[in-house]
């Protein structure tokens, strides 16, 4: 199982440029446009890259399942991702200190993101309801809802700007937290190594 795990990880890393290239190519030219060019070489290249993408996603799914359920996969991946070796007791202590500080840092960052996602900002025009000669309004508030509300567009055009959430997709937020966690951990490990 360890060889399969290692092979999948290497495949995911080495074929990732193909995933990016296929995605970019697909953004500019659809599958139909590529086939309409009647070029055997381009069609063959597109097919090979597409199959590489399919196999890459299949390997990614298998790797994610292994990452969730197999401890050796978790250990190997975290050690590679964080750049740690844990060769002796000193490095284990340093890893423990870095993990604790990284956890506190990530928790603080998540609280900050939660605050941003709960904050509401509303700037609107009110030409019919002028107050003290002012024809626009600014509203600030906090709101929490466990589910997303359906998006509504102001039909009368009075609302100029409305902020109800973090302007990132859920995937982007997860990626941001993941990068923050790894970067914070690596920073703390290096700092602890310099101190001791």
N, C-alpha and C. Protein backbone atom coordinates (compact mmCIF):
# COMPACT_ATOMS: atom_id res chain seq x y z
N UNK A 1 0.83 -1.20 0.00
CA UNK A 1 0.00 0.00 0.00
C UNK A 1 0.86 1.26 0.00
N UNK A 2 2.04 1.17 0.64
CA UNK A 2 2.92 2.33 0.71
C UNK A 2 3.44 2.72 -0.67
N UNK A 3 3.74 1.70 -1.54
CA UNK A 3 4.21 1.99 -2.89
C UNK A 3 3.10 2.65 -3.72
N UNK A 4 1.87 2.16 -3.57
CA UNK A 4 0.74 2.76 -4.28
C UNK A 4 0.55 4.21 -3.84
N UNK A 5 0.64 4.43 -2.54
CA UNK A 5 0.51 5.77 -1.99
C UNK A 5 1.57 6.71 -2.56
N UNK A 6 2.81 6.24 -2.59
CA UNK A 6 3.92 7.04 -3.11
C UNK A 6 3.74 7.30 -4.61
N UNK A 7 3.31 6.28 -5.36
CA UNK A 7 3.10 6.42 -6.80
C UNK A 7 2.00 7.44 -7.09
N UNK A 8 0.91 7.38 -6.34
CA UNK A 8 -0.20 8.32 -6.54
C UNK A 8 0.25 9.74 -6.24
N UNK A 9 0.99 9.93 -5.16
CA UNK A 9 1.46 11.28 -4.82
C UNK A 9 2.37 11.84 -5.91
N UNK A 10 3.29 11.01 -6.40
CA UNK A 10 4.18 11.48 -7.47
C UNK A 10 3.40 11.78 -8.74
N UNK A 11 2.44 10.94 -9.08
CA UNK A 11 1.63 11.17 -10.27
C UNK A 11 0.85 12.48 -10.15
N UNK A 12 0.27 12.74 -8.98
CA UNK A 12 -0.50 13.97 -8.78
C UNK A 12 0.38 15.21 -8.95
N UNK A 13 1.61 15.14 -8.48
CA UNK A 13 2.51 16.29 -8.58
C UNK A 13 3.02 16.46 -10.02
N UNK A 14 3.48 15.37 -10.65
CA UNK A 14 4.11 15.48 -11.96
C UNK A 14 3.10 15.75 -13.08
N UNK A 15 1.86 15.33 -12.94
CA UNK A 15 0.86 15.53 -14.00
C UNK A 15 0.06 16.81 -13.77
N UNK A 16 0.28 17.49 -12.65
CA UNK A 16 -0.46 18.72 -12.38
C UNK A 16 -0.28 19.78 -13.47
N UNK A 17 0.91 19.97 -14.05
CA UNK A 17 1.02 20.94 -15.16
C UNK A 17 0.08 20.59 -16.33
N UNK A 18 -0.13 19.30 -16.60
CA UNK A 18 -1.08 18.89 -17.64
C UNK A 18 -2.49 19.32 -17.28
N UNK A 19 -2.83 19.20 -15.99
CA UNK A 19 -4.17 19.62 -15.53
C UNK A 19 -4.36 21.11 -15.78
N UNK A 20 -3.36 21.90 -15.43
CA UNK A 20 -3.44 23.35 -15.64
C UNK A 20 -3.53 23.67 -17.13
N UNK A 21 -2.66 23.03 -17.93
CA UNK A 21 -2.65 23.29 -19.37
C UNK A 21 -3.98 22.91 -20.01
N UNK A 22 -4.55 21.77 -19.64
CA UNK A 22 -5.83 21.34 -20.20
C UNK A 22 -6.95 22.30 -19.80
N UNK A 23 -6.94 22.74 -18.57
CA UNK A 23 -7.96 23.68 -18.10
C UNK A 23 -7.86 25.02 -18.83
N UNK A 24 -6.65 25.52 -19.01
CA UNK A 24 -6.46 26.79 -19.72
C UNK A 24 -6.87 26.64 -21.18
N UNK A 25 -6.47 25.54 -21.82
CA UNK A 25 -6.83 25.31 -23.22
C UNK A 25 -8.34 25.22 -23.37
N UNK A 26 -8.99 24.51 -22.46
CA UNK A 26 -10.45 24.37 -22.51
C UNK A 26 -11.15 25.71 -22.28
N UNK A 27 -10.53 26.59 -21.52
CA UNK A 27 -11.11 27.91 -21.29
C UNK A 27 -11.17 28.72 -22.58
N UNK A 28 -10.11 28.61 -23.41
CA UNK A 28 -10.04 29.39 -24.64
C UNK A 28 -10.67 28.69 -25.83
N UNK A 29 -10.66 27.36 -25.85
CA UNK A 29 -11.25 26.61 -26.96
C UNK A 29 -12.03 25.44 -26.40
N UNK A 30 -13.27 25.31 -26.86
CA UNK A 30 -14.08 24.17 -26.40
C UNK A 30 -13.69 22.91 -27.17
N UNK A 31 -14.18 21.78 -26.69
CA UNK A 31 -13.92 20.50 -27.32
C UNK A 31 -14.43 20.50 -28.77
N UNK A 32 -15.59 21.09 -28.99
CA UNK A 32 -16.18 21.15 -30.33
C UNK A 32 -15.31 21.97 -31.28
N UNK A 33 -14.79 23.11 -30.80
CA UNK A 33 -13.93 23.95 -31.63
C UNK A 33 -12.63 23.24 -32.01
N UNK A 34 -12.08 22.48 -31.08
CA UNK A 34 -10.83 21.75 -31.35
C UNK A 34 -11.08 20.68 -32.41
N UNK A 35 -12.19 19.95 -32.29
CA UNK A 35 -12.50 18.91 -33.27
C UNK A 35 -12.87 19.49 -34.63
N UNK A 36 -13.44 20.71 -34.64
CA UNK A 36 -13.82 21.35 -35.90
C UNK A 36 -12.62 21.79 -36.71
N UNK A 37 -11.45 21.88 -36.09
CA UNK A 37 -10.25 22.31 -36.81
C UNK A 37 -9.72 21.22 -37.75
N UNK A 38 -10.23 19.99 -37.62
CA UNK A 38 -9.86 18.85 -38.48
C UNK A 38 -8.35 18.60 -38.50
N UNK A 39 -7.72 18.81 -37.36
CA UNK A 39 -6.29 18.53 -37.25
C UNK A 39 -6.13 17.27 -36.40
N UNK A 40 -5.57 16.22 -37.02
CA UNK A 40 -5.39 14.96 -36.31
C UNK A 40 -4.47 15.15 -35.10
N UNK A 41 -3.40 15.93 -35.28
CA UNK A 41 -2.43 16.15 -34.21
C UNK A 41 -3.05 16.87 -33.02
N UNK A 42 -3.81 17.95 -33.29
CA UNK A 42 -4.46 18.67 -32.19
C UNK A 42 -5.52 17.82 -31.49
N UNK A 43 -6.30 17.08 -32.27
CA UNK A 43 -7.32 16.22 -31.68
C UNK A 43 -6.69 15.12 -30.83
N UNK A 44 -5.61 14.52 -31.33
CA UNK A 44 -4.92 13.47 -30.56
C UNK A 44 -4.32 14.04 -29.28
N UNK A 45 -3.69 15.22 -29.40
CA UNK A 45 -3.12 15.88 -28.22
C UNK A 45 -4.21 16.19 -27.19
N UNK A 46 -5.33 16.70 -27.67
CA UNK A 46 -6.47 17.02 -26.78
C UNK A 46 -6.98 15.76 -26.08
N UNK A 47 -7.09 14.65 -26.81
CA UNK A 47 -7.57 13.39 -26.22
C UNK A 47 -6.60 12.88 -25.15
N UNK A 48 -5.31 12.93 -25.46
CA UNK A 48 -4.31 12.45 -24.49
C UNK A 48 -4.35 13.32 -23.23
N UNK A 49 -4.40 14.64 -23.42
CA UNK A 49 -4.44 15.54 -22.26
C UNK A 49 -5.74 15.36 -21.47
N UNK A 50 -6.85 15.12 -22.16
CA UNK A 50 -8.13 14.91 -21.48
C UNK A 50 -8.11 13.63 -20.66
N UNK A 51 -7.56 12.55 -21.24
CA UNK A 51 -7.47 11.30 -20.48
C UNK A 51 -6.51 11.44 -19.29
N UNK A 52 -5.45 12.21 -19.49
CA UNK A 52 -4.55 12.49 -18.36
C UNK A 52 -5.27 13.21 -17.24
N UNK A 53 -6.15 14.16 -17.62
CA UNK A 53 -6.95 14.89 -16.63
C UNK A 53 -7.91 13.96 -15.90
N UNK A 54 -8.56 13.07 -16.64
CA UNK A 54 -9.50 12.12 -16.03
C UNK A 54 -8.77 11.20 -15.04
N UNK A 55 -7.63 10.66 -15.47
CA UNK A 55 -6.86 9.78 -14.59
C UNK A 55 -6.35 10.55 -13.38
N UNK A 56 -5.95 11.82 -13.58
CA UNK A 56 -5.48 12.65 -12.47
C UNK A 56 -6.58 12.83 -11.42
N UNK A 57 -7.80 13.11 -11.87
CA UNK A 57 -8.90 13.28 -10.91
C UNK A 57 -9.25 11.96 -10.22
N UNK A 58 -9.15 10.86 -10.92
CA UNK A 58 -9.39 9.55 -10.29
C UNK A 58 -8.34 9.28 -9.22
N UNK A 59 -7.07 9.56 -9.54
CA UNK A 59 -5.99 9.40 -8.54
C UNK A 59 -6.18 10.36 -7.37
N UNK A 60 -6.62 11.58 -7.67
CA UNK A 60 -6.87 12.54 -6.60
C UNK A 60 -7.96 12.04 -5.66
N UNK A 61 -9.02 11.46 -6.21
CA UNK A 61 -10.10 10.91 -5.38
C UNK A 61 -9.57 9.76 -4.51
N UNK A 62 -8.80 8.86 -5.11
CA UNK A 62 -8.24 7.73 -4.34
C UNK A 62 -7.32 8.26 -3.24
N UNK A 63 -6.49 9.25 -3.56
CA UNK A 63 -5.58 9.84 -2.58
C UNK A 63 -6.36 10.48 -1.43
N UNK A 64 -7.44 11.19 -1.73
CA UNK A 64 -8.24 11.82 -0.67
C UNK A 64 -8.87 10.77 0.24
N UNK A 65 -9.34 9.68 -0.34
CA UNK A 65 -9.91 8.60 0.49
C UNK A 65 -8.82 8.01 1.38
N UNK A 66 -7.63 7.77 0.81
CA UNK A 66 -6.52 7.25 1.61
C UNK A 66 -6.11 8.25 2.69
N UNK A 67 -6.14 9.53 2.34
CA UNK A 67 -5.74 10.57 3.30
C UNK A 67 -6.71 10.63 4.48
N UNK A 68 -7.97 10.35 4.24
CA UNK A 68 -8.95 10.39 5.33
C UNK A 68 -8.87 9.15 6.21
N UNK A 69 -8.63 7.96 5.60
CA UNK A 69 -8.77 6.72 6.36
C UNK A 69 -7.46 6.02 6.74
N UNK A 70 -6.34 6.33 6.12
CA UNK A 70 -5.10 5.62 6.41
C UNK A 70 -4.11 6.52 7.14
N UNK A 71 -3.68 6.05 8.30
CA UNK A 71 -2.77 6.85 9.13
C UNK A 71 -1.40 7.03 8.48
N UNK A 72 -0.89 5.99 7.83
CA UNK A 72 0.43 6.12 7.20
C UNK A 72 0.40 7.14 6.06
N UNK A 73 -0.70 7.22 5.33
CA UNK A 73 -0.84 8.23 4.28
C UNK A 73 -0.89 9.62 4.90
N UNK A 74 -1.61 9.76 5.99
CA UNK A 74 -1.68 11.05 6.68
C UNK A 74 -0.30 11.48 7.15
N UNK A 75 0.43 10.59 7.79
CA UNK A 75 1.75 10.91 8.33
C UNK A 75 2.72 11.31 7.22
N UNK A 76 2.76 10.51 6.15
CA UNK A 76 3.67 10.78 5.04
C UNK A 76 3.33 12.10 4.36
N UNK A 77 2.05 12.35 4.16
CA UNK A 77 1.63 13.58 3.47
C UNK A 77 1.92 14.81 4.31
N UNK A 78 1.60 14.75 5.59
CA UNK A 78 1.84 15.91 6.46
C UNK A 78 3.33 16.18 6.60
N UNK A 79 4.14 15.13 6.71
CA UNK A 79 5.58 15.33 6.82
C UNK A 79 6.14 15.97 5.55
N UNK A 80 5.67 15.53 4.39
CA UNK A 80 6.14 16.11 3.13
C UNK A 80 5.63 17.53 2.96
N UNK A 81 4.37 17.75 3.27
CA UNK A 81 3.75 19.06 3.07
C UNK A 81 4.36 20.10 4.00
N UNK A 82 4.60 19.71 5.24
CA UNK A 82 5.13 20.66 6.23
C UNK A 82 6.65 20.70 6.24
N UNK A 83 7.30 19.76 5.58
CA UNK A 83 8.76 19.76 5.53
C UNK A 83 9.41 19.39 6.84
N UNK A 84 8.84 18.40 7.56
CA UNK A 84 9.42 17.97 8.84
C UNK A 84 9.94 16.55 8.72
N UNK A 85 10.87 16.20 9.61
CA UNK A 85 11.46 14.87 9.58
C UNK A 85 11.29 14.12 10.90
N UNK A 86 11.28 14.83 12.01
CA UNK A 86 11.16 14.22 13.34
C UNK A 86 12.18 13.10 13.55
N UNK A 87 13.46 13.45 13.42
CA UNK A 87 14.52 12.45 13.57
C UNK A 87 14.84 12.15 15.03
N UNK A 88 14.64 13.13 15.93
CA UNK A 88 14.94 12.90 17.34
C UNK A 88 13.91 13.60 18.22
N UNK A 89 14.09 13.49 19.55
CA UNK A 89 13.13 14.05 20.50
C UNK A 89 13.05 15.57 20.40
N UNK A 90 14.18 16.21 20.12
CA UNK A 90 14.20 17.67 20.02
C UNK A 90 13.28 18.15 18.89
N UNK A 91 13.36 17.48 17.75
CA UNK A 91 12.50 17.86 16.62
C UNK A 91 11.03 17.56 16.92
N UNK A 92 10.76 16.51 17.68
CA UNK A 92 9.37 16.22 18.06
C UNK A 92 8.82 17.32 18.96
N UNK A 93 9.64 17.82 19.89
CA UNK A 93 9.21 18.92 20.78
C UNK A 93 8.98 20.18 19.96
N UNK A 94 9.89 20.46 19.04
CA UNK A 94 9.74 21.64 18.18
C UNK A 94 8.47 21.53 17.34
N UNK A 95 8.21 20.34 16.81
CA UNK A 95 7.00 20.12 16.03
C UNK A 95 5.76 20.34 16.88
N UNK A 96 5.80 19.89 18.13
CA UNK A 96 4.67 20.10 19.04
C UNK A 96 4.41 21.58 19.31
N UNK A 97 5.49 22.34 19.59
CA UNK A 97 5.34 23.78 19.82
C UNK A 97 4.80 24.49 18.58
N UNK A 98 5.36 24.13 17.41
CA UNK A 98 4.92 24.76 16.16
C UNK A 98 3.46 24.42 15.86
N UNK A 99 3.07 23.17 16.13
CA UNK A 99 1.68 22.76 15.88
C UNK A 99 0.72 23.52 16.79
N UNK A 100 1.09 23.69 18.05
CA UNK A 100 0.23 24.42 18.98
C UNK A 100 0.07 25.87 18.55
N UNK A 101 1.16 26.53 18.22
CA UNK A 101 1.08 27.93 17.79
C UNK A 101 0.37 28.08 16.45
N UNK A 102 0.60 27.12 15.58
CA UNK A 102 -0.08 27.14 14.28
C UNK A 102 -1.59 26.98 14.47
N UNK A 103 -1.98 26.11 15.40
CA UNK A 103 -3.40 25.91 15.69
C UNK A 103 -4.04 27.20 16.22
N UNK A 104 -3.37 27.86 17.15
CA UNK A 104 -3.90 29.12 17.70
C UNK A 104 -3.99 30.18 16.60
N UNK A 105 -2.96 30.26 15.76
CA UNK A 105 -2.95 31.23 14.66
C UNK A 105 -4.09 30.96 13.68
N UNK A 106 -4.29 29.70 13.30
CA UNK A 106 -5.36 29.36 12.35
C UNK A 106 -6.73 29.59 12.96
N UNK A 107 -6.88 29.28 14.23
CA UNK A 107 -8.16 29.54 14.90
C UNK A 107 -8.48 31.03 14.91
N UNK A 108 -7.48 31.85 15.20
CA UNK A 108 -7.68 33.30 15.18
C UNK A 108 -8.06 33.78 13.78
N UNK A 109 -7.40 33.24 12.78
CA UNK A 109 -7.69 33.61 11.39
C UNK A 109 -9.11 33.20 11.01
N UNK A 110 -9.55 32.02 11.45
CA UNK A 110 -10.91 31.57 11.15
C UNK A 110 -11.95 32.45 11.85
N UNK A 111 -11.66 32.87 13.07
CA UNK A 111 -12.58 33.79 13.76
C UNK A 111 -12.68 35.11 13.00
N UNK A 112 -11.56 35.61 12.50
CA UNK A 112 -11.55 36.83 11.69
C UNK A 112 -12.40 36.65 10.42
N UNK A 113 -12.22 35.51 9.72
CA UNK A 113 -13.01 35.25 8.52
C UNK A 113 -14.50 35.11 8.85
N UNK A 114 -14.80 34.50 9.99
CA UNK A 114 -16.20 34.37 10.40
C UNK A 114 -16.82 35.75 10.65
N UNK A 115 -16.05 36.63 11.29
CA UNK A 115 -16.54 37.99 11.51
C UNK A 115 -16.81 38.69 10.18
N UNK A 116 -15.88 38.55 9.22
CA UNK A 116 -16.08 39.17 7.91
C UNK A 116 -17.31 38.60 7.20
N UNK A 117 -17.53 37.30 7.33
CA UNK A 117 -18.67 36.69 6.65
C UNK A 117 -20.00 37.08 7.30
N UNK A 118 -19.97 37.49 8.56
CA UNK A 118 -21.20 37.89 9.25
C UNK A 118 -21.48 39.38 9.12
N UNK A 119 -20.49 40.15 8.67
CA UNK A 119 -20.66 41.60 8.58
C UNK A 119 -21.48 41.98 7.35
N UNK A 120 -22.33 43.00 7.52
CA UNK A 120 -23.14 43.52 6.42
C UNK A 120 -22.85 45.00 6.22
N UNK A 121 -22.67 45.38 4.96
CA UNK A 121 -22.50 46.78 4.60
C UNK A 121 -23.48 47.05 3.47
N UNK A 122 -24.26 48.13 3.61
CA UNK A 122 -25.26 48.46 2.60
C UNK A 122 -25.21 49.96 2.33
N UNK A 123 -24.91 50.33 1.07
CA UNK A 123 -24.93 51.72 0.64
C UNK A 123 -26.06 51.84 -0.38
N UNK A 124 -27.01 52.76 -0.13
CA UNK A 124 -28.18 52.87 -1.01
C UNK A 124 -28.56 54.32 -1.25
N UNK A 125 -29.21 54.55 -2.40
CA UNK A 125 -29.76 55.87 -2.72
C UNK A 125 -31.22 55.91 -2.28
N UNK A 126 -31.59 57.02 -1.66
CA UNK A 126 -32.97 57.22 -1.22
C UNK A 126 -33.45 58.59 -1.70
N UNK A 127 -33.69 58.80 -3.00
CA UNK A 127 -34.06 60.13 -3.48
C UNK A 127 -35.42 60.60 -2.95
N UNK A 128 -36.32 59.65 -2.70
CA UNK A 128 -37.66 60.03 -2.22
C UNK A 128 -37.69 60.32 -0.74
N UNK A 129 -36.74 59.77 0.01
CA UNK A 129 -36.75 59.90 1.46
C UNK A 129 -35.49 60.61 1.94
N UNK A 130 -35.28 61.83 1.50
CA UNK A 130 -34.10 62.59 1.90
C UNK A 130 -34.19 62.94 3.38
N UNK A 131 -33.12 62.63 4.12
CA UNK A 131 -33.06 62.93 5.54
C UNK A 131 -31.95 63.96 5.73
N UNK A 132 -32.30 65.10 6.27
CA UNK A 132 -31.34 66.19 6.48
C UNK A 132 -30.61 66.54 5.18
N UNK A 133 -31.31 66.47 4.07
CA UNK A 133 -30.72 66.81 2.78
C UNK A 133 -29.85 65.71 2.18
N UNK A 134 -29.69 64.57 2.86
CA UNK A 134 -28.88 63.45 2.37
C UNK A 134 -29.78 62.49 1.60
N UNK A 135 -29.34 62.09 0.40
CA UNK A 135 -30.15 61.22 -0.44
C UNK A 135 -29.59 59.80 -0.53
N UNK A 136 -28.61 59.48 0.30
CA UNK A 136 -28.08 58.12 0.33
C UNK A 136 -27.90 57.69 1.78
N UNK A 137 -27.80 56.38 1.96
CA UNK A 137 -27.67 55.86 3.32
C UNK A 137 -26.59 54.78 3.38
N UNK A 138 -26.02 54.64 4.55
CA UNK A 138 -25.02 53.62 4.84
C UNK A 138 -25.50 52.84 6.04
N UNK A 139 -25.58 51.51 5.90
CA UNK A 139 -26.03 50.65 6.99
C UNK A 139 -24.96 49.62 7.26
N UNK A 140 -24.58 49.47 8.53
CA UNK A 140 -23.63 48.45 8.97
C UNK A 140 -24.34 47.52 9.94
N UNK A 141 -24.01 46.25 9.89
CA UNK A 141 -24.63 45.32 10.82
C UNK A 141 -23.94 43.96 10.81
N UNK A 142 -24.39 43.09 11.71
CA UNK A 142 -23.91 41.72 11.78
C UNK A 142 -25.10 40.79 11.62
N UNK A 143 -24.91 39.72 10.86
CA UNK A 143 -25.98 38.75 10.65
C UNK A 143 -25.37 37.37 10.45
N UNK A 144 -25.95 36.38 11.10
CA UNK A 144 -25.50 35.01 10.93
C UNK A 144 -26.67 34.15 10.50
N UNK A 145 -26.45 33.38 9.46
CA UNK A 145 -27.45 32.43 8.99
C UNK A 145 -26.73 31.13 8.65
N UNK A 146 -27.22 30.00 9.15
CA UNK A 146 -26.51 28.75 8.86
C UNK A 146 -26.60 28.33 7.40
N UNK A 147 -27.59 28.86 6.67
CA UNK A 147 -27.71 28.54 5.24
C UNK A 147 -27.64 29.81 4.42
N UNK A 148 -27.24 29.68 3.17
CA UNK A 148 -27.16 30.83 2.28
C UNK A 148 -28.56 31.30 1.90
N UNK A 149 -28.71 32.62 1.82
CA UNK A 149 -29.98 33.19 1.38
C UNK A 149 -29.98 33.27 -0.14
N UNK A 150 -31.16 33.18 -0.75
CA UNK A 150 -31.19 33.35 -2.20
C UNK A 150 -30.83 34.79 -2.57
N UNK A 151 -30.11 34.94 -3.67
CA UNK A 151 -29.68 36.27 -4.11
C UNK A 151 -30.86 37.01 -4.73
N UNK A 152 -31.04 38.27 -4.35
CA UNK A 152 -32.08 39.10 -4.95
C UNK A 152 -31.43 40.35 -5.51
N UNK A 153 -31.91 40.79 -6.65
CA UNK A 153 -31.39 41.98 -7.29
C UNK A 153 -32.42 43.09 -7.13
N UNK A 154 -31.96 44.27 -6.79
CA UNK A 154 -32.84 45.41 -6.62
C UNK A 154 -33.38 45.83 -7.98
N UNK A 155 -34.69 45.68 -8.17
CA UNK A 155 -35.30 46.01 -9.45
C UNK A 155 -35.43 47.51 -9.67
N UNK A 156 -35.56 48.28 -8.59
CA UNK A 156 -35.74 49.72 -8.75
C UNK A 156 -34.41 50.45 -8.88
N UNK A 157 -33.28 49.76 -8.73
CA UNK A 157 -31.98 50.37 -8.93
C UNK A 157 -31.52 51.27 -7.80
N UNK A 158 -32.16 51.21 -6.64
CA UNK A 158 -31.78 52.10 -5.54
C UNK A 158 -30.51 51.65 -4.83
N UNK A 159 -30.28 50.34 -4.78
CA UNK A 159 -29.11 49.83 -4.07
C UNK A 159 -27.88 49.98 -4.96
N UNK A 160 -26.87 50.70 -4.46
CA UNK A 160 -25.63 50.91 -5.21
C UNK A 160 -24.65 49.77 -4.92
N UNK A 161 -24.46 49.46 -3.66
CA UNK A 161 -23.50 48.44 -3.25
C UNK A 161 -24.04 47.75 -2.02
N UNK A 162 -23.94 46.42 -2.00
CA UNK A 162 -24.38 45.67 -0.83
C UNK A 162 -23.38 44.55 -0.58
N UNK A 163 -22.90 44.46 0.65
CA UNK A 163 -21.94 43.43 1.03
C UNK A 163 -22.58 42.56 2.09
N UNK A 164 -22.64 41.26 1.83
CA UNK A 164 -23.24 40.34 2.80
C UNK A 164 -22.33 39.17 3.14
N UNK A 165 -21.22 39.05 2.46
CA UNK A 165 -20.40 37.87 2.66
C UNK A 165 -18.96 38.16 2.24
N UNK A 166 -18.08 37.23 2.51
CA UNK A 166 -16.71 37.35 2.05
C UNK A 166 -16.75 37.23 0.52
N UNK A 167 -16.06 38.10 -0.18
CA UNK A 167 -16.14 38.05 -1.65
C UNK A 167 -15.30 36.95 -2.28
N UNK A 168 -15.23 35.79 -1.63
CA UNK A 168 -14.49 34.64 -2.15
C UNK A 168 -15.43 33.44 -2.21
N UNK A 169 -15.14 32.52 -3.08
CA UNK A 169 -15.93 31.30 -3.12
C UNK A 169 -15.56 30.42 -1.93
N UNK A 170 -16.38 29.44 -1.66
CA UNK A 170 -16.10 28.53 -0.55
C UNK A 170 -14.80 27.77 -0.78
N UNK A 171 -14.55 27.40 -2.03
CA UNK A 171 -13.30 26.70 -2.36
C UNK A 171 -12.09 27.59 -2.11
N UNK A 172 -12.21 28.85 -2.48
CA UNK A 172 -11.10 29.78 -2.27
C UNK A 172 -10.82 29.96 -0.78
N UNK A 173 -11.87 30.01 0.02
CA UNK A 173 -11.69 30.16 1.47
C UNK A 173 -11.00 28.93 2.04
N UNK A 174 -11.42 27.74 1.61
CA UNK A 174 -10.77 26.52 2.09
C UNK A 174 -9.31 26.49 1.68
N UNK A 175 -9.02 26.89 0.44
CA UNK A 175 -7.63 26.93 0.00
C UNK A 175 -6.83 27.95 0.81
N UNK A 176 -7.42 29.09 1.07
CA UNK A 176 -6.75 30.12 1.85
C UNK A 176 -6.42 29.62 3.25
N UNK A 177 -7.36 28.93 3.89
CA UNK A 177 -7.12 28.40 5.24
C UNK A 177 -6.05 27.31 5.20
N UNK A 178 -6.08 26.47 4.17
CA UNK A 178 -5.08 25.42 4.05
C UNK A 178 -3.68 26.01 3.88
N UNK A 179 -3.54 26.99 2.98
CA UNK A 179 -2.25 27.63 2.77
C UNK A 179 -1.79 28.33 4.05
N UNK A 180 -2.72 28.97 4.73
CA UNK A 180 -2.39 29.65 5.98
C UNK A 180 -1.86 28.65 7.01
N UNK A 181 -2.53 27.52 7.14
CA UNK A 181 -2.14 26.51 8.11
C UNK A 181 -0.74 25.99 7.83
N UNK A 182 -0.47 25.62 6.58
CA UNK A 182 0.84 25.07 6.23
C UNK A 182 1.93 26.12 6.38
N UNK A 183 1.68 27.33 5.88
CA UNK A 183 2.68 28.39 5.97
C UNK A 183 2.96 28.77 7.42
N UNK A 184 1.91 28.84 8.23
CA UNK A 184 2.08 29.17 9.64
C UNK A 184 2.89 28.09 10.35
N UNK A 185 2.62 26.83 10.06
CA UNK A 185 3.34 25.73 10.69
C UNK A 185 4.82 25.76 10.30
N UNK A 186 5.09 25.93 9.00
CA UNK A 186 6.48 25.96 8.54
C UNK A 186 7.24 27.14 9.14
N UNK A 187 6.58 28.29 9.23
CA UNK A 187 7.21 29.47 9.83
C UNK A 187 7.56 29.21 11.28
N UNK A 188 6.64 28.60 12.04
CA UNK A 188 6.89 28.34 13.46
C UNK A 188 8.00 27.31 13.65
N UNK A 189 8.05 26.29 12.79
CA UNK A 189 9.12 25.28 12.92
C UNK A 189 10.47 25.94 12.69
N UNK A 190 10.58 26.76 11.65
CA UNK A 190 11.86 27.44 11.39
C UNK A 190 12.24 28.36 12.54
N UNK A 191 11.26 29.04 13.09
CA UNK A 191 11.53 29.97 14.20
C UNK A 191 12.00 29.19 15.43
N UNK A 192 11.34 28.06 15.71
CA UNK A 192 11.74 27.24 16.86
C UNK A 192 13.14 26.65 16.66
N UNK A 193 13.47 26.29 15.43
CA UNK A 193 14.81 25.74 15.17
C UNK A 193 15.89 26.80 15.39
N UNK A 194 15.60 28.06 15.07
CA UNK A 194 16.55 29.14 15.27
C UNK A 194 16.74 29.44 16.76
N UNK A 195 15.64 29.33 17.54
CA UNK A 195 15.69 29.64 18.97
C UNK A 195 16.51 28.60 19.72
N UNK A 196 16.30 27.31 19.38
CA UNK A 196 16.99 26.24 20.15
C UNK A 196 18.34 25.91 19.60
